[in-house]
Amino acid sequence: MKTSIFKVLAFSFMIAIFSFASAQEKSVTDKIIEIGKSDNKTMQHLDVLTNRIGGRILGSDAYENATYWAAGLFKKWGLEVEIQEAGELPVGFNRGPWFGRMLSEDGMSLHFATPSYTSGTKGVQRGHVVAEPKTKADFERMKGKLKGAWVLITGENDGWPIDYSEYADTLRSHIIQ
């Protein structure tokens, strides 16, 4: 008899705990849905991450800035936040302004894009410019001129950002002089 009463009490206790936890979960879920409908900040957060911070390649300042921005936001919401280092990259991937200038009578300003995780140029680089060879015969004619050259290739801009900030403009003005 004692065993069966104990089982009934234990079972009743578990049902009571489950019911309380379920009601508490429901109130949290209802609150999340309410905030989503009345105070949705999704687009503002997306704007900060994509337009202000930008691409967040591991090993870049943008990655670190996004980490601390999100941590600050979580703290503001009352969450306990701990940022932990997961490792270290031997090379960083910060990009400065991507630009150049052809120095000739009919010179022009150029804007460049580089794939992620490629080596930088280690400062200002100078060299002659050649147009991309379109055929094997073009390549054979120009291959002696390729050493140290900047090769202009055809293509379309797929939306890579050009840094038009005051800081980037200052850098460009010093280099282009």
Protein backbone atom coordinates (compact mmCIF):
# COMPACT_ATOMS: atom_id res chain seq x y z
CA MET A 1 0.00 0.00 0.00
CA LYS A 2 2.82 2.40 0.89
CA THR A 3 4.48 1.80 -2.47
CA SER A 4 1.37 2.58 -4.47
CA ILE A 5 0.64 5.78 -2.47
CA PHE A 6 4.27 6.87 -3.00
CA LYS A 7 3.96 6.22 -6.75
CA VAL A 8 0.70 8.20 -6.95
CA LEU A 9 2.25 11.12 -5.02
CA ALA A 10 5.39 11.07 -7.15
CA PHE A 11 3.32 10.92 -10.32
CA SER A 12 1.09 13.80 -9.11
CA PHE A 13 4.17 15.85 -8.23
CA MET A 14 5.65 15.29 -11.72
CA ILE A 15 2.36 16.32 -13.36
CA ALA A 16 2.26 19.49 -11.23
CA ILE A 17 5.87 20.40 -12.17
CA PHE A 18 5.22 19.69 -15.87
CA SER A 19 2.05 21.79 -15.82
CA PHE A 20 3.87 24.71 -14.14
CA ALA A 21 6.81 24.51 -16.59
CA SER A 22 4.43 24.23 -19.53
CA ALA A 23 2.45 27.30 -18.38
CA GLN A 24 5.69 29.21 -17.85
CA GLU A 25 6.92 28.22 -21.34
CA LYS A 26 3.60 29.34 -22.81
CA SER A 27 3.88 32.76 -21.16
CA VAL A 28 7.44 33.17 -22.50
CA THR A 29 6.32 32.08 -25.97
CA ASP A 30 3.36 34.47 -25.84
CA LYS A 31 5.67 37.32 -24.82
CA ILE A 32 8.08 36.59 -27.72
CA ILE A 33 5.18 36.59 -30.19
CA GLU A 34 3.79 39.82 -28.69
CA ILE A 35 7.14 41.63 -28.97
CA GLY A 36 7.57 40.31 -32.52
CA LYS A 37 4.26 41.88 -33.49
CA SER A 38 4.47 45.15 -31.55
CA ASP A 39 8.19 46.03 -31.36
CA ASN A 40 9.92 44.14 -34.17
CA LYS A 41 13.53 45.28 -34.61
CA THR A 42 14.61 42.62 -37.11
CA MET A 43 15.18 45.04 -39.99
CA GLN A 44 17.10 47.48 -37.76
CA HIS A 45 19.39 44.68 -36.57
CA LEU A 46 19.85 43.46 -40.14
CA ASP A 47 20.71 47.02 -41.23
CA VAL A 48 23.43 47.29 -38.59
CA LEU A 49 24.93 43.89 -39.43
CA THR A 50 24.86 44.24 -43.21
CA ASN A 51 25.14 47.95 -43.98
CA ARG A 52 27.10 49.38 -41.07
CA ILE A 53 29.31 46.46 -40.04
CA GLY A 54 29.31 44.66 -43.38
CA GLY A 55 30.85 41.30 -44.30
CA ARG A 56 32.07 39.47 -41.23
CA ILE A 57 34.90 37.26 -42.41
CA LEU A 58 36.50 35.31 -39.58
CA GLY A 59 39.69 37.17 -38.66
CA SER A 60 38.40 40.61 -39.67
CA ASP A 61 37.65 43.67 -37.56
CA ALA A 62 34.07 43.49 -38.84
CA TYR A 63 33.71 40.00 -37.31
CA GLU A 64 34.92 41.30 -33.94
CA ASN A 65 32.77 44.44 -34.19
CA ALA A 66 29.68 42.32 -34.88
CA THR A 67 30.50 40.07 -31.93
CA TYR A 68 30.72 42.98 -29.50
CA TRP A 69 27.68 44.71 -31.01
CA ALA A 70 25.55 41.58 -30.54
CA ALA A 71 26.94 41.01 -27.02
CA GLY A 72 26.06 44.60 -26.09
CA LEU A 73 22.55 44.13 -27.43
CA PHE A 74 22.10 40.89 -25.47
CA LYS A 75 23.33 42.60 -22.28
CA LYS A 76 20.90 45.46 -22.89
CA TRP A 77 18.13 42.85 -23.04
CA GLY A 78 19.20 41.55 -19.62
CA LEU A 79 21.02 38.43 -20.74
CA GLU A 80 24.29 37.28 -19.23
CA VAL A 81 26.95 37.36 -21.95
CA GLU A 82 30.38 35.79 -22.04
CA ILE A 83 32.58 36.10 -25.12
CA GLN A 84 35.04 33.26 -25.53
CA GLU A 85 37.95 33.01 -27.95
CA ALA A 86 37.63 29.89 -30.09
CA GLY A 87 41.12 30.08 -31.57
CA GLU A 88 43.47 32.43 -33.34
CA LEU A 89 44.17 33.05 -37.00
CA PRO A 90 47.78 33.81 -37.92
CA VAL A 91 46.61 36.33 -40.55
CA GLY A 92 43.89 38.98 -40.36
CA PHE A 93 41.53 39.78 -43.21
CA ASN A 94 40.86 43.49 -42.98
CA ARG A 95 40.38 45.33 -46.20
CA GLY A 96 41.23 48.96 -46.67
CA PRO A 97 39.86 51.06 -49.49
CA TRP A 98 40.09 49.20 -52.82
CA PHE A 99 41.16 51.64 -55.49
CA GLY A 100 43.85 52.63 -57.90
CA ARG A 101 44.58 55.17 -60.57
CA MET A 102 46.04 54.87 -64.04
CA LEU A 103 48.66 57.60 -64.41
CA SER A 104 48.58 58.68 -68.04
CA GLU A 105 47.00 61.40 -70.15
CA ASP A 106 43.75 59.47 -70.34
CA GLY A 107 44.16 57.84 -66.91
CA MET A 108 41.20 56.83 -64.83
CA SER A 109 40.28 55.92 -61.27
CA LEU A 110 39.79 52.22 -60.67
CA HIS A 111 37.97 50.30 -57.95
CA PHE A 112 38.92 46.73 -57.13
CA ALA A 113 37.43 43.74 -55.39
CA THR A 114 39.37 40.80 -54.02
CA PRO A 115 38.08 37.41 -52.94
CA SER A 116 37.94 36.67 -49.21
CA TYR A 117 41.00 35.10 -47.61
CA THR A 118 43.47 36.33 -50.22
CA SER A 119 46.75 38.00 -49.40
CA GLY A 120 46.94 41.77 -49.48
CA THR A 121 49.53 43.76 -51.41
CA LYS A 122 51.50 44.92 -48.35
CA GLY A 123 51.10 48.60 -49.16
CA VAL A 124 51.05 50.69 -52.33
CA GLN A 125 52.02 48.77 -55.46
CA ARG A 126 53.02 50.32 -58.76
CA GLY A 127 53.24 48.69 -62.15
CA HIS A 128 52.29 48.92 -65.75
CA VAL A 129 48.78 48.00 -66.86
CA VAL A 130 47.83 45.53 -69.56
CA ALA A 131 44.40 44.52 -70.80
CA GLU A 132 43.25 40.96 -70.24
CA PRO A 133 44.23 38.69 -73.15
CA LYS A 134 41.09 37.33 -74.82
CA THR A 135 42.71 34.57 -76.86
CA LYS A 136 45.72 32.28 -76.62
CA ALA A 137 47.34 34.29 -79.43
CA ASP A 138 46.83 37.52 -77.40
CA PHE A 139 48.44 35.83 -74.43
CA GLU A 140 51.43 34.64 -76.46
CA ARG A 141 51.98 38.20 -77.80
CA MET A 142 51.91 39.80 -74.35
CA LYS A 143 53.32 37.15 -71.99
CA GLY A 144 56.70 38.92 -71.81
CA LYS A 145 54.92 42.06 -70.54
CA LEU A 146 53.01 40.38 -67.73
CA LYS A 147 55.73 40.35 -65.05
CA GLY A 148 54.86 43.03 -62.48
CA ALA A 149 51.79 44.13 -64.45
CA TRP A 150 48.30 44.92 -63.29
CA VAL A 151 46.00 42.97 -65.59
CA LEU A 152 42.64 44.64 -66.19
CA ILE A 153 39.95 42.05 -66.68
CA THR A 154 36.40 42.47 -67.86
CA GLY A 155 33.47 41.89 -65.58
CA GLU A 156 30.47 43.39 -63.93
CA ASN A 157 30.12 44.70 -60.41
CA ASP A 158 28.15 42.25 -58.31
CA GLY A 159 27.64 44.75 -55.49
CA TRP A 160 31.02 44.78 -53.81
CA PRO A 161 31.23 47.81 -51.53
CA ILE A 162 33.38 50.81 -52.33
CA ASP A 163 34.44 52.70 -49.24
CA TYR A 164 33.41 56.32 -49.76
CA SER A 165 34.04 57.33 -46.15
CA GLU A 166 36.03 60.44 -45.25
CA TYR A 167 38.85 58.17 -44.03
CA ALA A 168 38.98 56.27 -47.36
CA ASP A 169 38.86 59.52 -49.34
CA THR A 170 41.84 60.80 -47.31
CA LEU A 171 43.81 57.63 -48.03
CA ARG A 172 43.00 57.84 -51.73
CA SER A 173 44.05 61.48 -51.93
CA HIS A 174 47.50 60.69 -50.44
CA ILE A 175 48.14 57.77 -52.74
CA ILE A 176 46.77 59.25 -55.96
CA GLN A 177 48.81 62.49 -55.78
